[in-house]
Amino acid sequence: MTSGPALERAGDLAAILTKLEPGDILFIDEIHRLARAVEEVLYPAMEDFELDIVLGKGPAARSIRLELPHFTLVGATTRTGLITGPLRDRLA
């Protein structure tokens, strides 16, 4: 269990996702408060059970893709109107 405000950087979510076991449930309270960069990491994890990680910066940067175990995402909010359109579409 975590909350939207606790996930300040994409790496915060990546650390949680890489520790999931098959069949785990990831609960994010106040999901409407996720930072945009964190949401971007969540999308491929939700759709394809994959995590893209960028190593390095600038021209030398490279990306690696990690496969994630299948998990269930549960998001809670009292402010549904504040959930971004792309995230709402994926939760539907």
N, C-alpha and C. Protein backbone atom coordinates (compact mmCIF):
# COMPACT_ATOMS: atom_id res chain seq x y z
N MET A 1 0.84 -1.18 0.00
CA MET A 1 0.00 0.00 0.00
C MET A 1 0.89 1.24 0.00
N THR A 2 0.49 2.21 -0.79
CA THR A 2 1.18 3.49 -0.84
C THR A 2 0.14 4.56 -1.15
N SER A 3 0.60 5.78 -1.28
CA SER A 3 -0.33 6.86 -1.62
C SER A 3 0.28 7.72 -2.72
N GLY A 4 -0.58 8.40 -3.45
CA GLY A 4 -0.12 9.26 -4.53
C GLY A 4 0.93 10.26 -4.10
N PRO A 5 0.71 10.99 -2.99
CA PRO A 5 1.70 11.98 -2.57
C PRO A 5 3.05 11.36 -2.17
N ALA A 6 3.06 10.12 -1.74
CA ALA A 6 4.31 9.47 -1.32
C ALA A 6 5.18 9.12 -2.52
N LEU A 7 4.58 8.99 -3.68
CA LEU A 7 5.31 8.64 -4.90
C LEU A 7 5.70 9.92 -5.62
N GLU A 8 6.78 10.53 -5.17
CA GLU A 8 7.18 11.83 -5.70
C GLU A 8 7.91 11.73 -7.04
N ARG A 9 8.67 10.66 -7.22
CA ARG A 9 9.48 10.50 -8.44
C ARG A 9 9.16 9.15 -9.09
N ALA A 10 9.44 9.06 -10.36
CA ALA A 10 9.21 7.81 -11.09
C ALA A 10 9.96 6.66 -10.44
N GLY A 11 11.14 6.93 -9.92
CA GLY A 11 11.93 5.88 -9.26
C GLY A 11 11.27 5.32 -8.02
N ASP A 12 10.45 6.14 -7.34
CA ASP A 12 9.73 5.65 -6.16
C ASP A 12 8.77 4.53 -6.56
N LEU A 13 8.04 4.75 -7.65
CA LEU A 13 7.11 3.73 -8.13
C LEU A 13 7.87 2.53 -8.69
N ALA A 14 8.95 2.78 -9.41
CA ALA A 14 9.74 1.68 -9.98
C ALA A 14 10.24 0.75 -8.89
N ALA A 15 10.64 1.31 -7.76
CA ALA A 15 11.12 0.48 -6.64
C ALA A 15 10.03 -0.44 -6.13
N ILE A 16 8.81 0.05 -6.08
CA ILE A 16 7.68 -0.77 -5.62
C ILE A 16 7.34 -1.83 -6.66
N LEU A 17 7.27 -1.43 -7.93
CA LEU A 17 6.88 -2.36 -8.98
C LEU A 17 7.85 -3.53 -9.10
N THR A 18 9.13 -3.27 -8.93
CA THR A 18 10.12 -4.34 -9.09
C THR A 18 10.13 -5.32 -7.92
N LYS A 19 9.44 -4.99 -6.85
CA LYS A 19 9.36 -5.89 -5.69
C LYS A 19 8.07 -6.71 -5.67
N LEU A 20 7.18 -6.46 -6.63
CA LEU A 20 5.91 -7.19 -6.66
C LEU A 20 6.13 -8.65 -7.02
N GLU A 21 5.29 -9.49 -6.45
CA GLU A 21 5.26 -10.91 -6.76
C GLU A 21 4.03 -11.19 -7.62
N PRO A 22 4.03 -12.27 -8.40
CA PRO A 22 2.86 -12.59 -9.21
C PRO A 22 1.59 -12.65 -8.36
N GLY A 23 0.55 -11.96 -8.83
CA GLY A 23 -0.73 -11.97 -8.14
C GLY A 23 -0.87 -10.93 -7.04
N ASP A 24 0.18 -10.15 -6.78
CA ASP A 24 0.10 -9.12 -5.74
C ASP A 24 -0.91 -8.04 -6.11
N ILE A 25 -1.39 -7.35 -5.10
CA ILE A 25 -2.28 -6.21 -5.28
C ILE A 25 -1.51 -4.96 -4.87
N LEU A 26 -1.44 -4.00 -5.77
CA LEU A 26 -0.82 -2.71 -5.49
C LEU A 26 -1.95 -1.71 -5.24
N PHE A 27 -2.03 -1.22 -4.02
CA PHE A 27 -3.07 -0.26 -3.63
C PHE A 27 -2.44 1.13 -3.54
N ILE A 28 -2.99 2.07 -4.30
CA ILE A 28 -2.52 3.45 -4.26
C ILE A 28 -3.66 4.34 -3.79
N ASP A 29 -3.53 4.83 -2.57
CA ASP A 29 -4.52 5.76 -2.01
C ASP A 29 -4.25 7.15 -2.59
N GLU A 30 -5.30 7.93 -2.71
CA GLU A 30 -5.19 9.28 -3.28
C GLU A 30 -4.51 9.25 -4.64
N ILE A 31 -4.96 8.31 -5.47
CA ILE A 31 -4.33 8.12 -6.78
C ILE A 31 -4.41 9.38 -7.64
N HIS A 32 -5.37 10.24 -7.35
CA HIS A 32 -5.50 11.49 -8.11
C HIS A 32 -4.32 12.43 -7.89
N ARG A 33 -3.51 12.18 -6.86
CA ARG A 33 -2.38 13.06 -6.55
C ARG A 33 -1.05 12.54 -7.10
N LEU A 34 -1.09 11.53 -7.95
CA LEU A 34 0.15 11.05 -8.57
C LEU A 34 0.77 12.14 -9.44
N ALA A 35 2.07 12.27 -9.36
CA ALA A 35 2.79 13.19 -10.24
C ALA A 35 2.72 12.66 -11.67
N ARG A 36 2.73 13.55 -12.62
CA ARG A 36 2.64 13.17 -14.03
C ARG A 36 3.74 12.19 -14.43
N ALA A 37 4.96 12.42 -13.96
CA ALA A 37 6.08 11.53 -14.30
C ALA A 37 5.86 10.13 -13.73
N VAL A 38 5.22 10.05 -12.58
CA VAL A 38 4.93 8.75 -11.97
C VAL A 38 3.85 8.04 -12.78
N GLU A 39 2.85 8.78 -13.21
CA GLU A 39 1.80 8.18 -14.05
C GLU A 39 2.40 7.59 -15.32
N GLU A 40 3.36 8.27 -15.92
CA GLU A 40 3.97 7.79 -17.16
C GLU A 40 4.66 6.44 -16.96
N VAL A 41 5.20 6.21 -15.78
CA VAL A 41 5.82 4.91 -15.47
C VAL A 41 4.74 3.86 -15.25
N LEU A 42 3.63 4.28 -14.69
CA LEU A 42 2.55 3.35 -14.36
C LEU A 42 1.84 2.79 -15.60
N TYR A 43 1.71 3.59 -16.65
CA TYR A 43 0.95 3.16 -17.83
C TYR A 43 1.45 1.84 -18.43
N PRO A 44 2.72 1.71 -18.80
CA PRO A 44 3.15 0.42 -19.38
C PRO A 44 3.12 -0.72 -18.36
N ALA A 45 3.25 -0.39 -17.08
CA ALA A 45 3.14 -1.42 -16.05
C ALA A 45 1.72 -1.96 -16.00
N MET A 46 0.74 -1.07 -16.14
CA MET A 46 -0.67 -1.48 -16.11
C MET A 46 -1.06 -2.24 -17.37
N GLU A 47 -0.61 -1.74 -18.51
CA GLU A 47 -1.06 -2.28 -19.79
C GLU A 47 -0.31 -3.53 -20.22
N ASP A 48 1.01 -3.53 -20.04
CA ASP A 48 1.84 -4.60 -20.59
C ASP A 48 2.68 -5.33 -19.55
N PHE A 49 2.55 -4.92 -18.29
CA PHE A 49 3.37 -5.50 -17.20
C PHE A 49 4.85 -5.37 -17.53
N GLU A 50 5.22 -4.15 -17.94
CA GLU A 50 6.61 -3.84 -18.28
C GLU A 50 7.00 -2.52 -17.63
N LEU A 51 8.29 -2.41 -17.36
CA LEU A 51 8.83 -1.19 -16.77
C LEU A 51 10.04 -0.77 -17.60
N ASP A 52 9.98 0.43 -18.15
CA ASP A 52 11.10 0.97 -18.92
C ASP A 52 11.95 1.84 -18.00
N ILE A 53 13.24 1.54 -17.94
CA ILE A 53 14.16 2.29 -17.09
C ILE A 53 15.22 2.92 -17.97
N VAL A 54 15.46 4.21 -17.78
CA VAL A 54 16.49 4.92 -18.52
C VAL A 54 17.74 4.98 -17.65
N LEU A 55 18.84 4.49 -18.21
CA LEU A 55 20.12 4.51 -17.52
C LEU A 55 20.99 5.61 -18.13
N GLY A 56 21.52 6.48 -17.30
CA GLY A 56 22.37 7.55 -17.78
C GLY A 56 21.57 8.75 -18.23
N LYS A 57 22.30 9.73 -18.75
CA LYS A 57 21.66 10.97 -19.21
C LYS A 57 22.31 11.41 -20.51
N GLY A 58 21.58 12.21 -21.24
CA GLY A 58 22.11 12.78 -22.48
C GLY A 58 22.29 11.75 -23.57
N PRO A 59 23.25 11.98 -24.47
CA PRO A 59 23.45 11.10 -25.62
C PRO A 59 23.86 9.68 -25.23
N ALA A 60 24.45 9.51 -24.07
CA ALA A 60 24.89 8.18 -23.64
C ALA A 60 23.79 7.39 -22.95
N ALA A 61 22.63 8.00 -22.75
CA ALA A 61 21.53 7.32 -22.06
C ALA A 61 21.03 6.14 -22.87
N ARG A 62 20.63 5.11 -22.16
CA ARG A 62 20.01 3.96 -22.84
C ARG A 62 18.86 3.47 -21.99
N SER A 63 17.96 2.78 -22.62
CA SER A 63 16.75 2.31 -21.95
C SER A 63 16.76 0.79 -21.89
N ILE A 64 16.33 0.27 -20.75
CA ILE A 64 16.14 -1.18 -20.63
C ILE A 64 14.70 -1.43 -20.22
N ARG A 65 14.19 -2.55 -20.63
CA ARG A 65 12.81 -2.91 -20.32
C ARG A 65 12.82 -4.13 -19.40
N LEU A 66 12.12 -4.00 -18.28
CA LEU A 66 11.99 -5.10 -17.33
C LEU A 66 10.58 -5.65 -17.39
N GLU A 67 10.47 -6.95 -17.38
CA GLU A 67 9.15 -7.57 -17.31
C GLU A 67 8.72 -7.60 -15.85
N LEU A 68 7.46 -7.28 -15.63
CA LEU A 68 6.90 -7.29 -14.28
C LEU A 68 5.95 -8.46 -14.14
N PRO A 69 5.79 -8.97 -12.92
CA PRO A 69 4.79 -10.02 -12.72
C PRO A 69 3.39 -9.43 -12.87
N HIS A 70 2.44 -10.25 -13.22
CA HIS A 70 1.07 -9.77 -13.31
C HIS A 70 0.59 -9.41 -11.91
N PHE A 71 0.03 -8.21 -11.82
CA PHE A 71 -0.46 -7.70 -10.54
C PHE A 71 -1.78 -6.99 -10.78
N THR A 72 -2.47 -6.70 -9.69
CA THR A 72 -3.72 -5.96 -9.75
C THR A 72 -3.49 -4.60 -9.13
N LEU A 73 -3.90 -3.55 -9.82
CA LEU A 73 -3.80 -2.20 -9.29
C LEU A 73 -5.16 -1.77 -8.77
N VAL A 74 -5.18 -1.27 -7.55
CA VAL A 74 -6.38 -0.69 -6.97
C VAL A 74 -6.04 0.74 -6.60
N GLY A 75 -6.82 1.67 -7.11
CA GLY A 75 -6.62 3.08 -6.79
C GLY A 75 -7.83 3.62 -6.05
N ALA A 76 -7.58 4.41 -5.02
CA ALA A 76 -8.67 5.01 -4.24
C ALA A 76 -8.56 6.52 -4.30
N THR A 77 -9.71 7.16 -4.35
CA THR A 77 -9.75 8.62 -4.34
C THR A 77 -11.15 9.08 -3.93
N THR A 78 -11.21 10.26 -3.38
CA THR A 78 -12.49 10.92 -3.13
C THR A 78 -12.67 12.06 -4.12
N ARG A 79 -11.70 12.23 -5.02
CA ARG A 79 -11.71 13.34 -5.98
C ARG A 79 -11.56 12.80 -7.40
N THR A 80 -12.54 12.03 -7.85
CA THR A 80 -12.44 11.38 -9.16
C THR A 80 -12.24 12.38 -10.29
N GLY A 81 -12.75 13.58 -10.15
CA GLY A 81 -12.59 14.59 -11.18
C GLY A 81 -11.16 15.05 -11.38
N LEU A 82 -10.29 14.75 -10.41
CA LEU A 82 -8.89 15.16 -10.51
C LEU A 82 -7.99 14.09 -11.11
N ILE A 83 -8.54 12.91 -11.39
CA ILE A 83 -7.76 11.87 -12.05
C ILE A 83 -7.59 12.28 -13.51
N THR A 84 -6.37 12.22 -14.01
CA THR A 84 -6.12 12.64 -15.39
C THR A 84 -6.86 11.72 -16.36
N GLY A 85 -7.18 12.26 -17.52
CA GLY A 85 -7.89 11.48 -18.53
C GLY A 85 -7.18 10.19 -18.91
N PRO A 86 -5.87 10.24 -19.21
CA PRO A 86 -5.18 9.00 -19.58
C PRO A 86 -5.22 7.93 -18.49
N LEU A 87 -5.08 8.35 -17.23
CA LEU A 87 -5.13 7.37 -16.14
C LEU A 87 -6.54 6.84 -15.98
N ARG A 88 -7.54 7.71 -16.06
CA ARG A 88 -8.93 7.29 -15.94
C ARG A 88 -9.29 6.28 -17.02
N ASP A 89 -8.83 6.53 -18.25
CA ASP A 89 -9.11 5.60 -19.35
C ASP A 89 -8.53 4.22 -19.07
N ARG A 90 -7.37 4.17 -18.47
CA ARG A 90 -6.72 2.89 -18.19
C ARG A 90 -7.36 2.17 -17.00
N LEU A 91 -7.98 2.92 -16.11
CA LEU A 91 -8.62 2.31 -14.94
C LEU A 91 -10.02 1.80 -15.26
N ALA A 92 -10.58 2.27 -16.35
CA ALA A 92 -11.97 1.91 -16.68
C ALA A 92 -12.11 0.45 -17.05
